[in-house]
Amino acid sequence: MSNNKSNADHLHDAGVVNKAELSDEHLKAIDSLSKEEVAQLESIHKSANKDNDKPVGVIV
């Protein structure tokens, strides 16, 4: 994960979340996650979508 991107930006770029659909509280919660937690969310997203290109949302 790039050090200059927020967690929300990183997850948005990876297709895990759509930042436009998130409230400020959701964005703050996502940005408070550790690097390991963000990596786990991205891994889950990739596993859930390996045979399918439809994104999976994350409810925060």
Protein backbone atom coordinates (compact mmCIF):
# COMPACT_ATOMS: atom_id res chain seq x y z
CA MET A 1 0.00 0.00 0.00
CA SER A 2 1.26 3.43 -0.90
CA ASN A 3 2.21 5.56 2.10
CA ASN A 4 0.72 8.74 0.63
CA LYS A 5 -2.76 7.26 0.04
CA SER A 6 -5.42 6.96 2.69
CA ASN A 7 -6.84 3.52 3.44
CA ALA A 8 -10.12 4.61 1.84
CA ASP A 9 -8.29 5.69 -1.34
CA HIS A 10 -6.38 2.42 -1.47
CA LEU A 11 -9.53 0.30 -1.03
CA HIS A 12 -11.43 2.44 -3.53
CA ASP A 13 -8.66 1.99 -6.13
CA ALA A 14 -8.72 -1.76 -5.49
CA GLY A 15 -12.50 -1.84 -6.08
CA VAL A 16 -13.30 -2.90 -2.52
CA VAL A 17 -15.37 0.20 -1.67
CA ASN A 18 -16.91 3.10 -3.56
CA LYS A 19 -15.87 6.24 -1.73
CA ALA A 20 -18.77 8.20 -3.26
CA GLU A 21 -21.21 5.99 -1.33
CA LEU A 22 -19.49 6.36 2.05
CA SER A 23 -20.22 8.91 4.75
CA ASP A 24 -17.48 10.88 6.50
CA GLU A 25 -17.87 8.55 9.50
CA HIS A 26 -17.30 5.51 7.28
CA LEU A 27 -14.22 7.11 5.73
CA LYS A 28 -12.80 7.93 9.17
CA ALA A 29 -13.41 4.33 10.31
CA ILE A 30 -11.68 2.91 7.23
CA ASP A 31 -8.75 5.27 7.61
CA SER A 32 -8.32 4.16 11.24
CA LEU A 33 -7.67 0.55 10.14
CA SER A 34 -4.16 -0.88 10.28
CA LYS A 35 -2.23 -1.73 7.10
CA GLU A 36 -2.78 -5.41 7.90
CA GLU A 37 -6.55 -4.94 8.19
CA VAL A 38 -6.66 -3.10 4.86
CA ALA A 39 -4.61 -5.86 3.22
CA GLN A 40 -7.02 -8.46 4.64
CA LEU A 41 -10.05 -6.62 3.22
CA GLU A 42 -8.39 -6.45 -0.18
CA SER A 43 -7.54 -10.16 -0.01
CA ILE A 44 -11.13 -11.06 0.89
CA HIS A 45 -12.39 -8.93 -1.98
CA LYS A 46 -10.06 -10.65 -4.45
CA SER A 47 -11.02 -14.12 -3.20
CA ALA A 48 -14.73 -13.36 -3.32
CA ASN A 49 -14.45 -12.07 -6.88
CA LYS A 50 -11.90 -14.43 -8.43
CA ASP A 51 -14.48 -16.00 -10.80
CA ASN A 52 -16.61 -12.91 -11.16
CA ASP A 53 -15.90 -9.26 -11.88
CA LYS A 54 -18.71 -7.88 -9.69
CA PRO A 55 -17.38 -5.88 -6.72
CA VAL A 56 -18.20 -6.86 -3.17
CA GLY A 57 -19.12 -4.02 -0.84
CA VAL A 58 -17.74 -3.64 2.62
CA ILE A 59 -20.12 -2.44 5.32
CA VAL A 60 -18.31 -0.39 7.89
